[in-house]
Protein backbone atom coordinates (compact mmCIF):
# COMPACT_ATOMS: atom_id res chain seq x y z
CA MET A 1 -1.11 -19.62 -0.54
CA PRO A 2 1.82 -17.45 0.79
CA GLU A 3 5.09 -18.69 -0.94
CA LEU A 4 8.84 -18.12 -0.08
CA PRO A 5 8.70 -14.13 -0.99
CA GLU A 6 5.53 -13.62 1.31
CA VAL A 7 6.67 -15.22 4.27
CA GLU A 8 10.00 -13.84 3.85
CA THR A 9 8.50 -10.33 3.71
CA VAL A 10 6.40 -11.17 6.68
CA ARG A 11 9.29 -12.25 8.68
CA ARG A 12 11.44 -9.03 7.61
CA THR A 13 8.36 -6.63 8.80
CA LEU A 14 7.80 -8.51 11.87
CA THR A 15 11.43 -8.53 13.27
CA PRO A 16 11.87 -4.97 14.10
CA VAL A 17 8.70 -4.78 16.09
CA VAL A 18 8.53 -8.34 17.40
CA LYS A 19 12.04 -9.08 18.22
CA ASN A 20 12.75 -8.59 22.06
CA GLN A 21 9.08 -8.40 22.89
CA VAL A 22 7.85 -10.22 25.92
CA ILE A 23 4.56 -12.12 25.46
CA ALA A 24 2.16 -10.96 28.34
CA GLU A 25 -1.15 -12.53 27.24
CA CYS A 26 -2.27 -15.45 24.76
CA GLU A 27 -5.64 -15.69 23.46
CA VAL A 28 -6.38 -18.47 20.98
CA PHE A 29 -9.86 -18.18 19.51
CA TYR A 30 -9.80 -21.50 17.14
CA PRO A 31 -8.06 -24.07 18.81
CA ARG A 32 -7.34 -26.26 15.86
CA LEU A 33 -4.83 -23.76 15.14
CA LEU A 34 -2.95 -25.59 17.49
CA PRO A 35 -2.47 -29.25 15.89
CA ARG A 36 -0.33 -30.46 19.20
CA ASN A 37 -1.36 -28.30 21.97
CA THR A 38 -4.52 -27.41 23.76
CA VAL A 39 -4.95 -23.74 24.32
CA GLU A 40 -4.12 -23.89 27.96
CA VAL A 41 -0.81 -25.54 27.69
CA PHE A 42 0.14 -23.54 24.85
CA CYS A 43 -0.39 -20.24 26.07
CA ALA A 44 1.02 -21.25 29.66
CA GLN A 45 4.30 -22.24 27.75
CA ILE A 46 4.74 -18.94 26.14
CA ILE A 47 3.39 -16.17 28.40
CA ASN A 48 6.20 -14.24 29.79
CA ARG A 49 8.47 -15.58 26.88
CA LYS A 50 10.55 -13.06 25.13
CA ILE A 51 10.77 -13.61 21.14
CA THR A 52 14.59 -13.39 20.56
CA ASP A 53 14.52 -13.80 16.66
CA ILE A 54 12.32 -14.64 13.61
CA LYS A 55 13.50 -17.22 11.27
CA ARG A 56 12.12 -18.86 8.18
CA ARG A 57 12.38 -22.39 6.50
CA GLY A 58 10.57 -22.64 3.10
CA LYS A 59 6.91 -21.49 3.86
CA TYR A 60 7.46 -21.91 7.82
CA LEU A 61 8.25 -19.14 10.16
CA LEU A 62 10.09 -20.10 13.29
CA PHE A 63 9.94 -17.81 16.43
CA GLU A 64 12.61 -18.26 18.77
CA LEU A 65 11.86 -17.71 22.22
CA ASP A 66 14.24 -17.55 25.65
CA SER A 67 13.38 -20.98 26.30
CA PRO A 68 14.23 -24.35 24.40
CA LEU A 69 10.83 -24.01 22.67
CA ARG A 70 10.04 -22.55 19.27
CA MET A 71 6.68 -21.23 17.87
CA ILE A 72 6.30 -22.53 14.19
CA VAL A 73 3.90 -20.92 12.24
CA HIS A 74 2.58 -21.88 9.00
CA LEU A 75 0.07 -19.70 7.01
CA ARG A 76 -1.55 -22.05 4.58
CA MET A 77 -3.91 -20.67 2.59
CA THR A 78 -5.06 -17.48 3.94
CA GLY A 79 -3.30 -16.71 7.16
CA GLN A 80 -2.15 -13.42 8.08
CA LEU A 81 0.37 -12.51 10.77
CA VAL A 82 0.18 -8.85 11.52
CA TYR A 83 1.49 -6.51 14.14
CA GLN A 84 -0.82 -4.20 15.75
CA PRO A 85 0.78 -1.28 17.30
CA GLU A 86 -2.34 -0.34 19.58
CA GLN A 87 -3.56 -3.19 21.97
CA ASN A 88 -7.05 -4.02 22.48
CA LEU A 89 -8.57 -2.58 19.27
CA PRO A 90 -11.63 -4.55 17.81
CA LEU A 91 -10.54 -7.88 16.59
CA ALA A 92 -10.70 -8.72 12.79
CA LYS A 93 -13.63 -11.14 11.91
CA HIS A 94 -11.57 -14.12 11.27
CA THR A 95 -9.02 -13.64 14.01
CA SER A 96 -7.50 -16.97 15.42
CA ALA A 97 -5.16 -15.77 17.85
CA ARG A 98 -3.64 -12.85 19.12
CA PHE A 99 -0.44 -12.14 21.68
CA ILE A 100 -0.18 -9.30 23.58
CA PHE A 101 3.15 -7.75 24.50
CA LYS A 102 4.11 -6.36 27.76
CA ASN A 103 5.65 -3.33 26.28
CA LYS A 104 3.67 -2.56 23.21
CA GLY A 105 1.15 -3.74 20.65
CA GLU A 106 0.17 -7.11 19.77
CA LEU A 107 0.43 -9.83 17.05
CA ARG A 108 -2.49 -11.10 15.38
CA PHE A 109 -3.16 -14.65 13.40
CA VAL A 110 -6.03 -13.97 11.09
CA ASP A 111 -7.14 -16.72 8.73
CA GLN A 112 -10.52 -16.92 6.65
CA ARG A 113 -10.04 -20.36 5.63
CA LYS A 114 -8.84 -21.50 9.07
CA PHE A 115 -6.21 -24.04 7.44
CA GLY A 116 -3.31 -22.05 9.37
CA THR A 117 -1.19 -23.92 12.08
CA ILE A 118 1.00 -23.03 15.14
CA TYR A 119 3.18 -25.57 16.51
CA LEU A 120 5.19 -25.27 19.67
CA LEU A 121 8.17 -27.95 20.38
CA PRO A 122 11.91 -27.77 20.64
CA GLU A 123 14.23 -27.86 17.57
CA ALA A 124 15.11 -31.50 18.55
CA GLN A 125 11.33 -32.35 17.79
CA TYR A 126 11.35 -30.87 14.35
CA HIS A 127 10.92 -34.03 13.12
CA GLN A 128 7.19 -34.25 14.46
CA ILE A 129 6.42 -31.69 11.76
CA HIS A 130 6.85 -33.78 8.64
CA GLY A 131 6.52 -31.04 6.22
CA LEU A 132 9.21 -28.86 7.95
CA TYR A 133 11.58 -31.77 8.33
CA THR A 134 11.53 -33.01 4.90
CA LEU A 135 12.04 -29.72 3.29
CA GLY A 136 14.47 -29.25 0.23
CA PRO A 137 17.09 -26.63 0.08
CA GLU A 138 16.56 -23.19 0.28
CA PRO A 139 16.50 -21.54 -3.42
CA LEU A 140 18.03 -18.54 -2.27
CA GLY A 141 20.72 -20.38 -0.31
CA GLU A 142 24.54 -20.86 -1.20
CA ASP A 143 24.25 -24.60 -1.41
CA PHE A 144 21.30 -24.30 -4.19
CA THR A 145 23.68 -24.72 -7.15
CA VAL A 146 22.84 -25.54 -10.58
CA ASP A 147 24.15 -28.89 -9.72
CA THR A 148 21.74 -29.31 -6.86
CA LEU A 149 18.91 -28.22 -9.18
CA ALA A 150 19.67 -30.69 -11.91
CA ASP A 151 19.83 -33.31 -9.16
CA LYS A 152 16.41 -32.50 -7.98
CA VAL A 153 14.69 -32.58 -11.26
CA GLN A 154 16.13 -36.11 -12.22
CA SER A 155 12.34 -37.34 -12.55
CA VAL A 156 9.85 -38.47 -15.24
CA ARG A 157 7.49 -35.88 -13.43
CA ALA A 158 6.37 -32.64 -14.98
CA VAL A 159 8.84 -29.88 -14.34
CA LYS A 160 6.07 -27.84 -12.78
CA THR A 161 5.24 -30.62 -10.44
CA ILE A 162 8.54 -31.37 -9.21
CA LEU A 163 9.23 -27.50 -8.47
CA LEU A 164 6.11 -27.85 -6.10
CA ASP A 165 7.47 -30.56 -4.34
CA GLN A 166 8.79 -28.86 -1.05
CA SER A 167 11.04 -32.08 -0.47
CA LYS A 168 12.74 -31.08 -3.58
CA ILE A 169 12.86 -27.18 -3.37
CA ALA A 170 11.55 -25.29 -0.19
CA GLY A 171 9.16 -22.28 -0.58
CA LEU A 172 8.40 -22.47 -4.21
CA GLY A 173 4.38 -22.32 -5.12
CA ASN A 174 2.20 -22.03 -7.98
CA ILE A 175 3.20 -18.45 -8.45
CA TYR A 176 6.67 -18.43 -8.66
CA ALA A 177 7.00 -21.94 -10.40
CA ASP A 178 4.76 -20.33 -13.36
CA GLU A 179 7.09 -17.16 -13.55
CA ALA A 180 10.19 -19.02 -13.33
CA LEU A 181 9.30 -21.41 -16.05
CA PHE A 182 8.31 -18.84 -18.32
CA ARG A 183 11.47 -16.69 -17.90
CA ALA A 184 13.53 -19.90 -18.79
CA LYS A 185 11.53 -20.77 -21.44
CA ILE A 186 10.57 -24.27 -20.34
CA HIS A 187 7.33 -26.01 -20.84
CA PRO A 188 5.52 -26.98 -17.45
CA LEU A 189 4.83 -30.52 -18.53
CA LYS A 190 8.20 -31.22 -19.53
CA PRO A 191 9.67 -34.11 -17.79
CA GLY A 192 12.36 -33.02 -15.43
CA SER A 193 14.74 -35.69 -16.69
CA ARG A 194 14.45 -34.35 -20.15
CA LEU A 195 15.84 -30.94 -19.22
CA THR A 196 18.82 -29.91 -21.18
CA GLU A 197 22.20 -28.61 -18.85
CA ALA A 198 20.99 -25.00 -20.54
CA GLU A 199 17.58 -25.25 -19.79
CA ILE A 200 18.48 -26.47 -15.86
CA ALA A 201 20.84 -23.33 -16.00
CA ALA A 202 18.28 -20.90 -16.97
CA LEU A 203 15.85 -22.27 -14.70
CA HIS A 204 18.02 -22.11 -11.75
CA HIS A 205 18.69 -18.21 -12.67
CA SER A 206 15.07 -17.67 -13.24
CA ILE A 207 14.15 -19.16 -9.75
CA ARG A 208 16.47 -16.84 -7.95
CA ALA A 209 15.92 -13.66 -9.77
CA VAL A 210 11.97 -14.08 -9.54
CA LEU A 211 12.12 -14.73 -5.93
CA ARG A 212 14.44 -11.90 -5.31
CA GLU A 213 12.49 -9.33 -7.26
CA ALA A 214 9.21 -10.64 -5.52
CA ILE A 215 10.69 -10.26 -2.07
CA ALA A 216 11.82 -6.55 -3.21
CA GLU A 217 8.43 -5.77 -3.94
CA HIS A 218 6.90 -7.15 -0.85
CA GLY A 219 5.40 -10.39 -2.25
CA THR A 220 2.39 -10.68 -4.32
CA THR A 221 -1.06 -10.22 -3.18
CA ILE A 222 -3.82 -11.78 -5.16
CA LYS A 223 -6.62 -11.45 -2.37
CA ASP A 224 -5.59 -12.21 1.22
CA TYR A 225 -1.97 -11.84 1.59
CA ARG A 226 -0.63 -9.19 3.78
CA THR A 227 2.80 -8.18 5.14
CA GLY A 228 3.57 -8.04 8.74
CA SER A 229 2.44 -4.44 8.60
CA GLY A 230 -0.72 -5.25 7.29
CA ASP A 231 -0.17 -3.87 3.81
CA THR A 232 -0.22 -5.63 0.38
CA GLY A 233 2.68 -6.78 -1.59
CA ASN A 234 3.25 -5.36 -5.19
CA PHE A 235 4.60 -7.98 -7.19
CA GLN A 236 1.23 -8.90 -8.76
CA ASN A 237 1.67 -5.76 -10.76
CA LYS A 238 4.83 -7.35 -12.42
CA LEU A 239 3.47 -10.77 -12.88
CA LEU A 240 4.19 -11.97 -16.78
CA VAL A 241 2.01 -15.10 -16.94
CA TYR A 242 0.52 -16.13 -13.46
CA ARG A 243 -3.35 -15.30 -13.76
CA ARG A 244 -3.04 -13.86 -17.21
CA THR A 245 -4.84 -16.56 -19.11
CA GLY A 246 -5.88 -14.89 -22.52
CA LYS A 247 -3.75 -11.88 -22.18
CA PRO A 248 -0.81 -11.58 -24.67
CA CYS A 249 2.68 -12.66 -23.72
CA PRO A 250 4.86 -9.88 -23.01
CA ASN A 251 7.60 -11.25 -25.25
CA CYS A 252 5.78 -12.35 -28.30
CA SER A 253 1.89 -11.39 -27.68
CA THR A 254 0.69 -15.01 -28.15
CA PRO A 255 -2.50 -15.29 -25.49
CA VAL A 256 -1.17 -16.80 -22.39
CA GLU A 257 -2.69 -20.31 -21.61
CA ARG A 258 -3.95 -22.25 -18.57
CA ILE A 259 -3.71 -25.97 -18.23
CA LYS A 260 -3.68 -28.50 -15.09
CA VAL A 261 -0.43 -29.82 -13.85
CA GLY A 262 -0.74 -32.18 -11.22
CA GLY A 263 -4.02 -30.94 -10.42
CA ARG A 264 -2.65 -27.21 -10.32
CA SER A 265 -3.64 -24.36 -12.45
CA THR A 266 -0.60 -23.74 -14.57
CA HIS A 267 -0.24 -20.44 -16.97
CA PHE A 268 2.50 -20.53 -19.51
CA CYS A 269 3.04 -19.10 -23.21
CA PRO A 270 2.49 -21.78 -25.94
CA HIS A 271 4.98 -20.15 -28.13
CA CYS A 272 7.96 -19.29 -25.80
CA GLN A 273 7.47 -22.43 -23.79
CA ARG A 274 7.38 -24.55 -26.85
CA TRP A 275 7.83 -28.53 -26.09
CA ASP A 276 7.85 -30.91 -28.96
CA GLN A 277 6.73 -34.05 -26.93
CA ASP A 278 8.20 -36.49 -30.06
CA CYS A 279 11.63 -35.06 -29.81
CA THR A 280 14.21 -36.36 -27.38
CA ASP A 281 15.44 -32.72 -26.31
């Protein structure tokens, strides 16, 4: 699933070519893409509307229109939102929708597994989208301090599980949780409430650092992710532990291990991220 760096990259690559474009035509080929609208109502409400800005909240993209309505997109597992400079070219196999602009180009939503969603509603009704309304703080925001993280991790749950909880921290997923924990030298199964002040500070730093670095590299492409320009990301070439099972740790050469934490595959170095469960620290 695209995480914060991927969704932010899509936002940054789409904004220059989509902002101030007027939607002339709307086609939805997979009606389940729209959980709260019929295709007819949805298209009628966005045709002739101008996209005035694109914002991001967690893993959601928020398209602001020249009306009270907002088009809220979640890419889920395999969604791609790509700008096509030329109109009416053959559609990709898994195209769920496309938005043709009056001036130039079109925006296409391609989704192989068909889990992606688009909502259309005013900001005052964001509470109708539970996942959006309950999001925790943005990890790159000014209000995400060490103290904020310390408060969020106060739980007996494994720290990896806490990091994946979108109501605790918005936008983190499997890739960057693994990478941040490795950099902070914290075992993914260690309960959040047992983290030391030093570990929390290290984790806060590593979360922000790895997210910034991934954004600079246009995200991580394991398989499906593409930028808004249709390009792959580059951060997959800089991953230290994620999907590197059996390969040497870049710090100590111990083979990276893979376990399940909360049902999610988790990658870590058993030497650098040691945790004696019988100790109180």
